[in-house]
Amino acid sequence: MPEPETDAPPEPAEPAEPSPLGVVRTPTGDAGVDALLERLADADHLAADGHTEVYEDVHRGLREALSALDAGPAPAPGPARVPPYNHRS
């Protein structure tokens, strides 16, 4: 015998547990950048409301890495500057 129809809304489903998305992260060859990209895996184990903190942390680190590239390397120390010898007698 079929169940009688009701006008009651269906009960909400339980939220799914966090699970890894399985996104492959390709190493860049830069240890600092690779560590930041691996940090994204932390979001796999958090509820959606915890993702923002991870994403902002990684974004901040990547911005710092890019800014360091813009700054360029520090100048190499060179010999002390000696004033030229004047050939005056």
C-alpha atoms as a PDB file:
ATOM      1  CA  MET A   1       0.000   0.000   0.000  1.00  0.00           C
ATOM      2  CA  PRO A   2       1.516   3.396  -0.943  1.00  0.00           C
ATOM      3  CA  GLU A   3       2.333   5.897   1.776  1.00  0.00           C
ATOM      4  CA  PRO A   4      -0.040   8.848   2.045  1.00  0.00           C
ATOM      5  CA  GLU A   5       1.233  12.153   0.720  1.00  0.00           C
ATOM      6  CA  THR A   6       1.902  14.915   3.235  1.00  0.00           C
ATOM      7  CA  ASP A   7       2.404  18.627   2.851  1.00  0.00           C
ATOM      8  CA  ALA A   8       5.260  18.638   5.350  1.00  0.00           C
ATOM      9  CA  PRO A   9       8.639  19.738   3.921  1.00  0.00           C
ATOM     10  CA  PRO A  10      11.303  17.039   3.770  1.00  0.00           C
ATOM     11  CA  GLU A  11      13.701  16.939   6.684  1.00  0.00           C
ATOM     12  CA  PRO A  12      17.035  18.616   5.890  1.00  0.00           C
ATOM     13  CA  ALA A  13      19.882  16.259   5.155  1.00  0.00           C
ATOM     14  CA  GLU A  14      22.801  16.112   7.555  1.00  0.00           C
ATOM     15  CA  PRO A  15      25.767  18.156   6.354  1.00  0.00           C
ATOM     16  CA  ALA A  16      28.448  16.067   4.741  1.00  0.00           C
ATOM     17  CA  GLU A  17      31.724  15.646   6.562  1.00  0.00           C
ATOM     18  CA  PRO A  18      34.716  17.501   5.088  1.00  0.00           C
ATOM     19  CA  SER A  19      36.526  15.388   2.534  1.00  0.00           C
ATOM     20  CA  PRO A  20      39.572  15.976   0.331  1.00  0.00           C
ATOM     21  CA  LEU A  21      38.837  17.293  -3.135  1.00  0.00           C
ATOM     22  CA  GLY A  22      41.735  15.356  -4.610  1.00  0.00           C
ATOM     23  CA  VAL A  23      43.228  18.374  -6.360  1.00  0.00           C
ATOM     24  CA  VAL A  24      46.764  17.602  -7.487  1.00  0.00           C
ATOM     25  CA  ARG A  25      49.305  20.280  -6.615  1.00  0.00           C
ATOM     26  CA  THR A  26      52.265  20.344  -8.981  1.00  0.00           C
ATOM     27  CA  PRO A  27      55.563  21.348  -7.318  1.00  0.00           C
ATOM     28  CA  THR A  28      56.946  24.657  -8.557  1.00  0.00           C
ATOM     29  CA  GLY A  29      60.563  24.033  -7.592  1.00  0.00           C
ATOM     30  CA  ASP A  30      60.511  26.887  -5.067  1.00  0.00           C
ATOM     31  CA  ALA A  31      60.468  25.380  -1.572  1.00  0.00           C
ATOM     32  CA  GLY A  32      58.644  28.337  -0.004  1.00  0.00           C
ATOM     33  CA  VAL A  33      55.909  28.429  -2.645  1.00  0.00           C
ATOM     34  CA  ASP A  34      55.550  24.642  -2.582  1.00  0.00           C
ATOM     35  CA  ALA A  35      55.077  24.723   1.206  1.00  0.00           C
ATOM     36  CA  LEU A  36      52.345  27.334   0.808  1.00  0.00           C
ATOM     37  CA  LEU A  37      50.579  25.268  -1.835  1.00  0.00           C
ATOM     38  CA  GLU A  38      50.747  22.196   0.403  1.00  0.00           C
ATOM     39  CA  ARG A  39      49.083  24.299   3.116  1.00  0.00           C
ATOM     40  CA  LEU A  40      45.979  24.299   0.899  1.00  0.00           C
ATOM     41  CA  ALA A  41      45.544  20.621   1.811  1.00  0.00           C
ATOM     42  CA  ASP A  42      44.671  21.781   5.345  1.00  0.00           C
ATOM     43  CA  ALA A  43      41.362  23.070   3.958  1.00  0.00           C
ATOM     44  CA  ASP A  44      40.448  19.507   2.934  1.00  0.00           C
ATOM     45  CA  HIS A  45      39.847  18.597   6.568  1.00  0.00           C
ATOM     46  CA  LEU A  46      37.908  21.711   7.588  1.00  0.00           C
ATOM     47  CA  ALA A  47      34.301  22.708   7.241  1.00  0.00           C
ATOM     48  CA  ALA A  48      33.700  25.374   4.590  1.00  0.00           C
ATOM     49  CA  ASP A  49      33.721  28.180   7.162  1.00  0.00           C
ATOM     50  CA  GLY A  50      37.332  27.265   8.046  1.00  0.00           C
ATOM     51  CA  HIS A  51      38.598  27.526   4.474  1.00  0.00           C
ATOM     52  CA  THR A  52      38.861  31.316   4.530  1.00  0.00           C
ATOM     53  CA  GLU A  53      41.644  31.336   7.118  1.00  0.00           C
ATOM     54  CA  VAL A  54      43.705  28.820   5.129  1.00  0.00           C
ATOM     55  CA  TYR A  55      43.159  30.627   1.808  1.00  0.00           C
ATOM     56  CA  GLU A  56      44.045  34.016   3.308  1.00  0.00           C
ATOM     57  CA  ASP A  57      47.196  32.577   4.895  1.00  0.00           C
ATOM     58  CA  VAL A  58      48.327  31.050   1.586  1.00  0.00           C
ATOM     59  CA  HIS A  59      47.420  34.207  -0.338  1.00  0.00           C
ATOM     60  CA  ARG A  60      49.423  36.366   2.090  1.00  0.00           C
ATOM     61  CA  GLY A  61      52.444  34.067   1.735  1.00  0.00           C
ATOM     62  CA  LEU A  62      52.267  34.063  -2.056  1.00  0.00           C
ATOM     63  CA  ARG A  63      52.015  37.872  -2.130  1.00  0.00           C
ATOM     64  CA  GLU A  64      55.100  38.100   0.090  1.00  0.00           C
ATOM     65  CA  ALA A  65      56.971  35.718  -2.228  1.00  0.00           C
ATOM     66  CA  LEU A  66      56.036  37.840  -5.260  1.00  0.00           C
ATOM     67  CA  SER A  67      56.989  41.054  -3.475  1.00  0.00           C
ATOM     68  CA  ALA A  68      60.377  39.559  -2.662  1.00  0.00           C
ATOM     69  CA  LEU A  69      60.898  38.923  -6.383  1.00  0.00           C
ATOM     70  CA  ASP A  70      60.099  42.560  -7.132  1.00  0.00           C
ATOM     71  CA  ALA A  71      62.624  43.715  -4.536  1.00  0.00           C
ATOM     72  CA  GLY A  72      65.376  41.725  -6.215  1.00  0.00           C
ATOM     73  CA  PRO A  73      68.421  40.290  -4.512  1.00  0.00           C
ATOM     74  CA  ALA A  74      70.371  42.342  -2.018  1.00  0.00           C
ATOM     75  CA  PRO A  75      73.462  43.913  -3.553  1.00  0.00           C
ATOM     76  CA  ALA A  76      76.585  41.851  -3.042  1.00  0.00           C
ATOM     77  CA  PRO A  77      79.157  43.438  -0.804  1.00  0.00           C
ATOM     78  CA  GLY A  78      82.003  44.791  -2.859  1.00  0.00           C
ATOM     79  CA  PRO A  79      85.410  46.205  -2.060  1.00  0.00           C
ATOM     80  CA  ALA A  80      85.456  49.357  -0.024  1.00  0.00           C
ATOM     81  CA  ARG A  81      85.386  52.419  -2.190  1.00  0.00           C
ATOM     82  CA  VAL A  82      88.789  54.122  -2.102  1.00  0.00           C
ATOM     83  CA  PRO A  83      89.052  57.641  -3.413  1.00  0.00           C
ATOM     84  CA  PRO A  84      91.202  57.850  -6.525  1.00  0.00           C
ATOM     85  CA  TYR A  85      94.819  58.758  -6.011  1.00  0.00           C
ATOM     86  CA  ASN A  86      95.544  62.267  -7.170  1.00  0.00           C
ATOM     87  CA  HIS A  87      98.820  62.604  -8.980  1.00  0.00           C
ATOM     88  CA  ARG A  88      99.626  65.971  -7.427  1.00  0.00           C
ATOM     89  CA  SER A  89     103.000  66.737  -6.086  1.00  0.00           C
END
